[in-house]
Amino acid sequence: MAARRLALKAVDWVAFAERVPPNQKSMFNALKTRSDAISAKLTSLPESPVAIDWSYYKSAVAKAGMVDEFEKKFKALKIPEPVDTQTTAINAQEVEADKDATAYVEASKVRVAEYEAQLNKFRNMIPFDQMTIEDLNDTFPETKLDMVKYPYWPHKPISEL
């Protein structure tokens, strides 16, 4: 049982340590030390508790029937184990987080491709000191003057004076 408990709760401490910020290393080391101590304590315990020697107690206790009553109550005692209600919710959150992370990575790849195209455009354009206004407007269409909206630019129309 100790091996089964250990297998269920194994933590990848190396991967965990890689994600810990430098200012929290001491807290991480304390957590790992405490976890290792608890794990060592759990593995040192036997899988099942030691059986009670009822015959010894029957011979040692003077009051008749007391040990039989305790034995009957002890065997009738059932300690309920808590029901795991959170594992399914955690697994669902993990699946959702994986989907979100995958979507983010895909969107990031699209953004990287767009940025690569822009960078390629900047690398291949004419240097600014050699550009004419027409070259600037061809390379960056957003700088082209809208003659319909601003017909008198850079001057103000007479009506606005």
N, C-alpha and C. Protein backbone atom coordinates (compact mmCIF):
# COMPACT_ATOMS: atom_id res chain seq x y z
N MET A 1 0.81 -1.19 0.00
CA MET A 1 0.00 0.00 0.00
C MET A 1 0.86 1.26 0.00
N ALA A 2 2.00 1.19 0.69
CA ALA A 2 2.88 2.35 0.74
C ALA A 2 3.40 2.69 -0.66
N ALA A 3 3.70 1.64 -1.44
CA ALA A 3 4.15 1.88 -2.81
C ALA A 3 3.03 2.48 -3.65
N ARG A 4 1.80 2.03 -3.43
CA ARG A 4 0.66 2.57 -4.18
C ARG A 4 0.44 4.03 -3.80
N ARG A 5 0.54 4.35 -2.51
CA ARG A 5 0.38 5.73 -2.06
C ARG A 5 1.46 6.62 -2.67
N LEU A 6 2.69 6.10 -2.71
CA LEU A 6 3.79 6.86 -3.25
C LEU A 6 3.60 7.10 -4.75
N ALA A 7 3.11 6.09 -5.45
CA ALA A 7 2.93 6.22 -6.90
C ALA A 7 1.82 7.21 -7.23
N LEU A 8 0.80 7.28 -6.38
CA LEU A 8 -0.30 8.21 -6.64
C LEU A 8 0.11 9.66 -6.42
N LYS A 9 0.99 9.92 -5.49
CA LYS A 9 1.32 11.28 -5.10
C LYS A 9 2.72 11.71 -5.50
N ALA A 10 3.30 11.11 -6.51
CA ALA A 10 4.66 11.46 -6.93
C ALA A 10 4.69 12.88 -7.50
N VAL A 11 5.68 13.65 -7.09
CA VAL A 11 5.84 15.03 -7.55
C VAL A 11 7.16 15.11 -8.31
N ASP A 12 7.14 15.75 -9.46
CA ASP A 12 8.35 15.97 -10.24
C ASP A 12 9.03 17.22 -9.69
N TRP A 13 9.92 17.03 -8.72
CA TRP A 13 10.53 18.17 -8.03
C TRP A 13 11.47 18.95 -8.93
N VAL A 14 12.09 18.29 -9.91
CA VAL A 14 13.00 19.00 -10.81
C VAL A 14 12.22 19.99 -11.68
N ALA A 15 11.10 19.51 -12.24
CA ALA A 15 10.27 20.41 -13.06
C ALA A 15 9.66 21.51 -12.20
N PHE A 16 9.31 21.16 -10.97
CA PHE A 16 8.75 22.16 -10.05
C PHE A 16 9.81 23.23 -9.74
N ALA A 17 11.05 22.81 -9.48
CA ALA A 17 12.13 23.74 -9.13
C ALA A 17 12.44 24.70 -10.28
N GLU A 18 12.29 24.24 -11.51
CA GLU A 18 12.56 25.10 -12.67
C GLU A 18 11.58 26.26 -12.75
N ARG A 19 10.39 26.10 -12.20
CA ARG A 19 9.35 27.12 -12.31
C ARG A 19 9.28 28.05 -11.09
N VAL A 20 10.12 27.80 -10.10
CA VAL A 20 10.09 28.61 -8.88
C VAL A 20 10.95 29.86 -9.09
N PRO A 21 10.39 31.05 -8.81
CA PRO A 21 11.19 32.27 -8.93
C PRO A 21 12.33 32.29 -7.93
N PRO A 22 13.41 33.00 -8.25
CA PRO A 22 14.58 33.01 -7.35
C PRO A 22 14.26 33.53 -5.95
N ASN A 23 13.32 34.47 -5.83
CA ASN A 23 13.02 35.02 -4.51
C ASN A 23 12.19 34.06 -3.65
N GLN A 24 11.74 32.95 -4.21
CA GLN A 24 10.94 31.98 -3.45
C GLN A 24 11.65 30.64 -3.30
N LYS A 25 12.95 30.59 -3.58
CA LYS A 25 13.69 29.33 -3.48
C LYS A 25 13.71 28.80 -2.05
N SER A 26 13.82 29.69 -1.05
CA SER A 26 13.88 29.21 0.33
C SER A 26 12.55 28.57 0.73
N MET A 27 11.44 29.17 0.29
CA MET A 27 10.13 28.58 0.60
C MET A 27 9.98 27.23 -0.12
N PHE A 28 10.47 27.15 -1.36
CA PHE A 28 10.42 25.89 -2.10
C PHE A 28 11.23 24.81 -1.38
N ASN A 29 12.43 25.16 -0.93
CA ASN A 29 13.28 24.18 -0.23
C ASN A 29 12.61 23.72 1.06
N ALA A 30 11.96 24.64 1.78
CA ALA A 30 11.26 24.25 3.00
C ALA A 30 10.10 23.31 2.68
N LEU A 31 9.36 23.60 1.62
CA LEU A 31 8.25 22.72 1.20
C LEU A 31 8.76 21.34 0.84
N LYS A 32 9.85 21.28 0.07
CA LYS A 32 10.40 19.98 -0.35
C LYS A 32 10.90 19.19 0.87
N THR A 33 11.56 19.86 1.78
CA THR A 33 12.05 19.17 2.99
C THR A 33 10.89 18.61 3.79
N ARG A 34 9.85 19.42 3.98
CA ARG A 34 8.68 18.96 4.74
C ARG A 34 7.98 17.81 4.02
N SER A 35 7.85 17.92 2.70
CA SER A 35 7.21 16.86 1.92
C SER A 35 8.02 15.56 1.99
N ASP A 36 9.33 15.68 1.90
CA ASP A 36 10.18 14.48 1.99
C ASP A 36 10.06 13.83 3.37
N ALA A 37 9.98 14.66 4.42
CA ALA A 37 9.84 14.11 5.78
C ALA A 37 8.51 13.38 5.93
N ILE A 38 7.44 13.97 5.40
CA ILE A 38 6.13 13.32 5.49
C ILE A 38 6.11 12.04 4.67
N SER A 39 6.71 12.06 3.48
CA SER A 39 6.77 10.86 2.64
C SER A 39 7.56 9.75 3.33
N ALA A 40 8.67 10.12 3.95
CA ALA A 40 9.48 9.11 4.66
C ALA A 40 8.69 8.52 5.82
N LYS A 41 7.95 9.36 6.52
CA LYS A 41 7.14 8.87 7.65
C LYS A 41 6.05 7.92 7.13
N LEU A 42 5.39 8.28 6.02
CA LEU A 42 4.34 7.42 5.46
C LEU A 42 4.89 6.08 4.98
N THR A 43 6.04 6.10 4.35
CA THR A 43 6.60 4.84 3.85
C THR A 43 7.11 3.95 4.98
N SER A 44 7.45 4.57 6.12
CA SER A 44 7.93 3.74 7.24
C SER A 44 6.78 3.04 7.96
N LEU A 45 5.57 3.52 7.78
CA LEU A 45 4.42 2.90 8.44
C LEU A 45 4.02 1.61 7.71
N PRO A 46 3.52 0.63 8.45
CA PRO A 46 3.07 -0.60 7.78
C PRO A 46 1.79 -0.35 6.99
N GLU A 47 1.53 -1.21 6.02
CA GLU A 47 0.34 -1.04 5.19
C GLU A 47 -0.94 -1.24 5.98
N SER A 48 -0.92 -2.16 6.92
CA SER A 48 -2.09 -2.39 7.77
C SER A 48 -1.64 -2.29 9.23
N PRO A 49 -2.54 -1.82 10.11
CA PRO A 49 -2.14 -1.68 11.52
C PRO A 49 -1.88 -3.05 12.16
N VAL A 50 -1.12 -3.01 13.22
CA VAL A 50 -0.80 -4.24 13.96
C VAL A 50 -2.08 -4.79 14.58
N ALA A 51 -2.27 -6.11 14.47
CA ALA A 51 -3.48 -6.75 15.02
C ALA A 51 -3.44 -6.70 16.55
N ILE A 52 -4.60 -6.47 17.13
CA ILE A 52 -4.72 -6.41 18.59
C ILE A 52 -4.81 -7.84 19.14
N ASP A 53 -4.02 -8.11 20.17
CA ASP A 53 -4.02 -9.43 20.81
C ASP A 53 -5.09 -9.42 21.91
N TRP A 54 -6.31 -9.80 21.52
CA TRP A 54 -7.44 -9.76 22.47
C TRP A 54 -7.29 -10.79 23.58
N SER A 55 -6.65 -11.90 23.28
CA SER A 55 -6.49 -12.93 24.33
C SER A 55 -5.61 -12.43 25.47
N TYR A 56 -4.61 -11.62 25.15
CA TYR A 56 -3.76 -11.05 26.20
C TYR A 56 -4.59 -10.14 27.11
N TYR A 57 -5.40 -9.28 26.49
CA TYR A 57 -6.21 -8.37 27.30
C TYR A 57 -7.26 -9.11 28.13
N LYS A 58 -7.80 -10.22 27.58
CA LYS A 58 -8.79 -11.02 28.35
C LYS A 58 -8.14 -11.59 29.60
N SER A 59 -6.87 -12.00 29.48
CA SER A 59 -6.19 -12.56 30.65
C SER A 59 -5.70 -11.47 31.61
N ALA A 60 -5.48 -10.26 31.12
CA ALA A 60 -4.92 -9.20 31.97
C ALA A 60 -6.00 -8.36 32.65
N VAL A 61 -7.20 -8.22 32.02
CA VAL A 61 -8.26 -7.39 32.59
C VAL A 61 -9.10 -8.25 33.51
N ALA A 62 -9.34 -7.72 34.73
CA ALA A 62 -10.05 -8.49 35.75
C ALA A 62 -11.55 -8.50 35.53
N LYS A 63 -12.12 -7.44 35.00
CA LYS A 63 -13.57 -7.37 34.82
C LYS A 63 -14.00 -8.24 33.66
N ALA A 64 -14.85 -9.19 33.93
CA ALA A 64 -15.29 -10.14 32.89
C ALA A 64 -16.21 -9.44 31.90
N GLY A 65 -16.03 -9.74 30.62
CA GLY A 65 -16.91 -9.22 29.57
C GLY A 65 -16.50 -7.86 29.03
N MET A 66 -15.64 -7.17 29.74
CA MET A 66 -15.24 -5.83 29.28
C MET A 66 -14.44 -5.90 27.98
N VAL A 67 -13.48 -6.82 27.90
CA VAL A 67 -12.67 -6.96 26.70
C VAL A 67 -13.51 -7.46 25.54
N ASP A 68 -14.45 -8.37 25.82
CA ASP A 68 -15.34 -8.86 24.75
C ASP A 68 -16.18 -7.72 24.19
N GLU A 69 -16.65 -6.87 25.07
CA GLU A 69 -17.45 -5.71 24.63
C GLU A 69 -16.60 -4.77 23.79
N PHE A 70 -15.36 -4.49 24.24
CA PHE A 70 -14.46 -3.62 23.47
C PHE A 70 -14.14 -4.24 22.11
N GLU A 71 -13.91 -5.57 22.11
CA GLU A 71 -13.59 -6.25 20.85
C GLU A 71 -14.76 -6.16 19.88
N LYS A 72 -15.97 -6.37 20.38
CA LYS A 72 -17.15 -6.30 19.54
C LYS A 72 -17.32 -4.87 18.97
N LYS A 73 -17.14 -3.87 19.82
CA LYS A 73 -17.27 -2.48 19.37
C LYS A 73 -16.16 -2.10 18.39
N PHE A 74 -14.95 -2.62 18.66
CA PHE A 74 -13.83 -2.31 17.77
C PHE A 74 -14.05 -2.89 16.37
N LYS A 75 -14.54 -4.13 16.31
CA LYS A 75 -14.79 -4.75 15.01
C LYS A 75 -15.96 -4.12 14.28
N ALA A 76 -16.91 -3.55 15.04
CA ALA A 76 -18.05 -2.88 14.43
C ALA A 76 -17.70 -1.47 13.96
N LEU A 77 -16.60 -0.94 14.46
CA LEU A 77 -16.20 0.43 14.12
C LEU A 77 -15.75 0.52 12.67
N LYS A 78 -16.37 1.37 11.92
CA LYS A 78 -15.99 1.62 10.53
C LYS A 78 -15.71 3.11 10.38
N ILE A 79 -14.48 3.45 10.11
CA ILE A 79 -14.11 4.86 9.94
C ILE A 79 -14.29 5.20 8.46
N PRO A 80 -15.17 6.14 8.16
CA PRO A 80 -15.41 6.47 6.75
C PRO A 80 -14.24 7.25 6.17
N GLU A 81 -13.88 6.88 4.96
CA GLU A 81 -12.86 7.62 4.24
C GLU A 81 -13.55 8.72 3.45
N PRO A 82 -12.95 9.89 3.39
CA PRO A 82 -13.61 10.97 2.65
C PRO A 82 -13.71 10.63 1.16
N VAL A 83 -14.82 11.05 0.58
CA VAL A 83 -15.05 10.80 -0.83
C VAL A 83 -14.33 11.88 -1.64
N ASP A 84 -13.66 11.45 -2.67
CA ASP A 84 -12.93 12.39 -3.54
C ASP A 84 -13.92 13.07 -4.47
N THR A 85 -14.22 14.33 -4.20
CA THR A 85 -15.17 15.06 -5.04
C THR A 85 -14.48 16.08 -5.93
N GLN A 86 -13.20 16.28 -5.75
CA GLN A 86 -12.52 17.36 -6.47
C GLN A 86 -11.69 16.89 -7.66
N THR A 87 -11.36 15.62 -7.73
CA THR A 87 -10.49 15.16 -8.81
C THR A 87 -11.11 15.39 -10.18
N THR A 88 -12.39 15.12 -10.33
CA THR A 88 -13.03 15.33 -11.64
C THR A 88 -13.04 16.81 -11.99
N ALA A 89 -13.27 17.68 -11.02
CA ALA A 89 -13.26 19.12 -11.30
C ALA A 89 -11.86 19.58 -11.67
N ILE A 90 -10.86 19.07 -10.98
CA ILE A 90 -9.47 19.44 -11.29
C ILE A 90 -9.08 18.94 -12.67
N ASN A 91 -9.47 17.71 -13.00
CA ASN A 91 -9.17 17.17 -14.33
C ASN A 91 -9.87 17.98 -15.42
N ALA A 92 -11.10 18.41 -15.16
CA ALA A 92 -11.81 19.25 -16.14
C ALA A 92 -11.12 20.59 -16.31
N GLN A 93 -10.65 21.17 -15.20
CA GLN A 93 -9.91 22.43 -15.29
C GLN A 93 -8.60 22.24 -16.05
N GLU A 94 -7.96 21.11 -15.85
CA GLU A 94 -6.71 20.85 -16.55
C GLU A 94 -6.94 20.72 -18.05
N VAL A 95 -8.01 20.02 -18.43
CA VAL A 95 -8.34 19.89 -19.85
C VAL A 95 -8.65 21.26 -20.45
N GLU A 96 -9.41 22.08 -19.71
CA GLU A 96 -9.75 23.42 -20.18
C GLU A 96 -8.49 24.28 -20.31
N ALA A 97 -7.60 24.19 -19.35
CA ALA A 97 -6.35 24.95 -19.40
C ALA A 97 -5.49 24.50 -20.57
N ASP A 98 -5.47 23.19 -20.84
CA ASP A 98 -4.72 22.69 -21.99
C ASP A 98 -5.29 23.23 -23.29
N LYS A 99 -6.64 23.27 -23.39
CA LYS A 99 -7.26 23.81 -24.60
C LYS A 99 -6.93 25.29 -24.75
N ASP A 100 -7.01 26.04 -23.63
CA ASP A 100 -6.69 27.47 -23.69
C ASP A 100 -5.23 27.69 -24.09
N ALA A 101 -4.34 26.89 -23.53
CA ALA A 101 -2.91 27.03 -23.84
C ALA A 101 -2.65 26.69 -25.31
N THR A 102 -3.30 25.66 -25.81
CA THR A 102 -3.13 25.28 -27.22
C THR A 102 -3.65 26.38 -28.13
N ALA A 103 -4.80 26.95 -27.79
CA ALA A 103 -5.36 28.05 -28.59
C ALA A 103 -4.44 29.26 -28.55
N TYR A 104 -3.86 29.56 -27.38
CA TYR A 104 -2.95 30.68 -27.26
C TYR A 104 -1.69 30.45 -28.10
N VAL A 105 -1.17 29.23 -28.08
CA VAL A 105 0.03 28.92 -28.86
C VAL A 105 -0.27 29.07 -30.35
N GLU A 106 -1.42 28.59 -30.79
CA GLU A 106 -1.78 28.72 -32.20
C GLU A 106 -1.94 30.19 -32.59
N ALA A 107 -2.61 30.98 -31.75
CA ALA A 107 -2.76 32.41 -32.03
C ALA A 107 -1.40 33.10 -32.03
N SER A 108 -0.52 32.67 -31.15
CA SER A 108 0.82 33.26 -31.11
C SER A 108 1.60 32.93 -32.37
N LYS A 109 1.43 31.74 -32.89
CA LYS A 109 2.11 31.38 -34.15
C LYS A 109 1.62 32.25 -35.29
N VAL A 110 0.31 32.55 -35.31
CA VAL A 110 -0.24 33.43 -36.34
C VAL A 110 0.35 34.83 -36.19
N ARG A 111 0.42 35.33 -34.95
CA ARG A 111 0.99 36.67 -34.71
C ARG A 111 2.46 36.71 -35.11
N VAL A 112 3.19 35.66 -34.78
CA VAL A 112 4.61 35.61 -35.15
C VAL A 112 4.76 35.66 -36.66
N ALA A 113 3.91 34.96 -37.39
CA ALA A 113 3.98 34.99 -38.85
C ALA A 113 3.70 36.40 -39.37
N GLU A 114 2.70 37.08 -38.77
CA GLU A 114 2.41 38.46 -39.18
C GLU A 114 3.60 39.37 -38.89
N TYR A 115 4.20 39.22 -37.73
CA TYR A 115 5.34 40.06 -37.37
C TYR A 115 6.55 39.77 -38.25
N GLU A 116 6.72 38.50 -38.61
CA GLU A 116 7.81 38.14 -39.53
C GLU A 116 7.60 38.82 -40.89
N ALA A 117 6.36 38.84 -41.36
CA ALA A 117 6.06 39.51 -42.64
C ALA A 117 6.35 41.00 -42.54
N GLN A 118 5.97 41.63 -41.42
CA GLN A 118 6.26 43.06 -41.24
C GLN A 118 7.77 43.30 -41.17
N LEU A 119 8.47 42.44 -40.45
CA LEU A 119 9.92 42.58 -40.34
C LEU A 119 10.58 42.42 -41.71
N ASN A 120 10.09 41.48 -42.49
CA ASN A 120 10.62 41.28 -43.84
C ASN A 120 10.37 42.52 -44.69
N LYS A 121 9.19 43.13 -44.54
CA LYS A 121 8.87 44.36 -45.27
C LYS A 121 9.84 45.47 -44.89
N PHE A 122 10.13 45.62 -43.61
CA PHE A 122 11.06 46.66 -43.15
C PHE A 122 12.48 46.40 -43.62
N ARG A 123 12.88 45.14 -43.67
CA ARG A 123 14.24 44.82 -44.13
C ARG A 123 14.42 45.10 -45.62
N ASN A 124 13.35 44.92 -46.39
CA ASN A 124 13.45 45.04 -47.84
C ASN A 124 13.06 46.42 -48.38
N MET A 125 12.66 47.35 -47.53
CA MET A 125 12.24 48.65 -48.04
C MET A 125 13.44 49.56 -48.28
N ILE A 126 13.18 50.62 -49.04
CA ILE A 126 14.20 51.61 -49.34
C ILE A 126 14.53 52.35 -48.04
N PRO A 127 15.79 52.66 -47.77
CA PRO A 127 16.11 53.43 -46.56
C PRO A 127 15.36 54.77 -46.55
N PHE A 128 15.01 55.24 -45.35
CA PHE A 128 14.21 56.46 -45.24
C PHE A 128 14.90 57.67 -45.87
N ASP A 129 16.22 57.77 -45.75
CA ASP A 129 16.90 58.95 -46.28
C ASP A 129 16.93 58.96 -47.81
N GLN A 130 16.56 57.85 -48.45
CA GLN A 130 16.52 57.79 -49.91
C GLN A 130 15.09 57.76 -50.46
N MET A 131 14.09 57.81 -49.59
CA MET A 131 12.69 57.72 -50.02
C MET A 131 12.17 59.06 -50.51
N THR A 132 11.27 58.95 -51.47
CA THR A 132 10.48 60.12 -51.86
C THR A 132 9.12 60.01 -51.17
N ILE A 133 8.30 61.04 -51.29
CA ILE A 133 6.97 61.00 -50.70
C ILE A 133 6.16 59.86 -51.30
N GLU A 134 6.30 59.65 -52.61
CA GLU A 134 5.56 58.56 -53.25
C GLU A 134 6.01 57.19 -52.73
N ASP A 135 7.34 57.03 -52.53
CA ASP A 135 7.84 55.77 -51.96
C ASP A 135 7.31 55.55 -50.55
N LEU A 136 7.27 56.62 -49.76
CA LEU A 136 6.74 56.53 -48.41
C LEU A 136 5.27 56.14 -48.44
N ASN A 137 4.49 56.76 -49.31
CA ASN A 137 3.06 56.44 -49.40
C ASN A 137 2.83 55.03 -49.92
N ASP A 138 3.70 54.54 -50.80
CA ASP A 138 3.57 53.16 -51.28
C ASP A 138 3.91 52.15 -50.19
N THR A 139 4.96 52.44 -49.43
CA THR A 139 5.40 51.53 -48.38
C THR A 139 4.45 51.56 -47.18
N PHE A 140 4.01 52.75 -46.80
CA PHE A 140 3.11 52.94 -45.67
C PHE A 140 1.87 53.67 -46.14
N PRO A 141 0.84 52.95 -46.62
CA PRO A 141 -0.35 53.59 -47.17
C PRO A 141 -1.11 54.46 -46.16
N GLU A 142 -0.94 54.21 -44.89
CA GLU A 142 -1.64 55.02 -43.89
C GLU A 142 -1.12 56.45 -43.83
N THR A 143 0.05 56.73 -44.42
CA THR A 143 0.59 58.09 -44.42
C THR A 143 0.12 58.91 -45.62
N LYS A 144 -0.55 58.28 -46.55
CA LYS A 144 -1.00 58.99 -47.75
C LYS A 144 -2.08 60.00 -47.37
N LEU A 145 -1.97 61.19 -47.90
CA LEU A 145 -2.90 62.27 -47.59
C LEU A 145 -4.22 62.04 -48.30
N ASP A 146 -5.29 62.19 -47.55
CA ASP A 146 -6.64 62.02 -48.09
C ASP A 146 -7.08 63.38 -48.65
N MET A 147 -7.02 63.51 -49.97
CA MET A 147 -7.33 64.79 -50.60
C MET A 147 -8.82 65.11 -50.55
N VAL A 148 -9.68 64.11 -50.37
CA VAL A 148 -11.11 64.36 -50.25
C VAL A 148 -11.42 64.97 -48.88
N LYS A 149 -10.80 64.44 -47.86
CA LYS A 149 -11.05 64.92 -46.51
C LYS A 149 -10.30 66.22 -46.22
N TYR A 150 -9.06 66.32 -46.73
CA TYR A 150 -8.24 67.51 -46.50
C TYR A 150 -7.80 68.08 -47.86
N PRO A 151 -8.68 68.77 -48.60
CA PRO A 151 -8.32 69.21 -49.96
C PRO A 151 -7.31 70.35 -49.99
N TYR A 152 -7.20 71.12 -48.92
CA TYR A 152 -6.32 72.28 -48.93
C TYR A 152 -5.05 72.08 -48.10
N TRP A 153 -4.79 70.87 -47.67
CA TRP A 153 -3.65 70.64 -46.79
C TRP A 153 -2.37 71.09 -47.47
N PRO A 154 -1.50 71.71 -46.82
CA PRO A 154 -1.34 72.08 -45.41
C PRO A 154 -1.97 73.41 -45.06
N HIS A 155 -2.76 73.98 -45.96
CA HIS A 155 -3.38 75.27 -45.70
C HIS A 155 -4.80 75.09 -45.26
N LYS A 156 -5.32 76.07 -44.54
CA LYS A 156 -6.72 76.07 -44.13
C LYS A 156 -7.57 76.69 -45.22
N PRO A 157 -8.78 76.20 -45.39
CA PRO A 157 -9.65 76.84 -46.37
C PRO A 157 -10.00 78.28 -45.92
N ILE A 158 -10.36 79.10 -46.86
CA ILE A 158 -10.67 80.50 -46.59
C ILE A 158 -11.85 80.59 -45.63
N SER A 159 -12.78 79.68 -45.72
CA SER A 159 -13.96 79.72 -44.86
C SER A 159 -13.61 79.53 -43.38
N GLU A 160 -12.46 78.91 -43.08
CA GLU A 160 -12.08 78.67 -41.69
C GLU A 160 -11.19 79.76 -41.13
N LEU A 161 -10.80 80.74 -41.92
CA LEU A 161 -9.94 81.82 -41.43
C LEU A 161 -10.64 82.84 -40.62
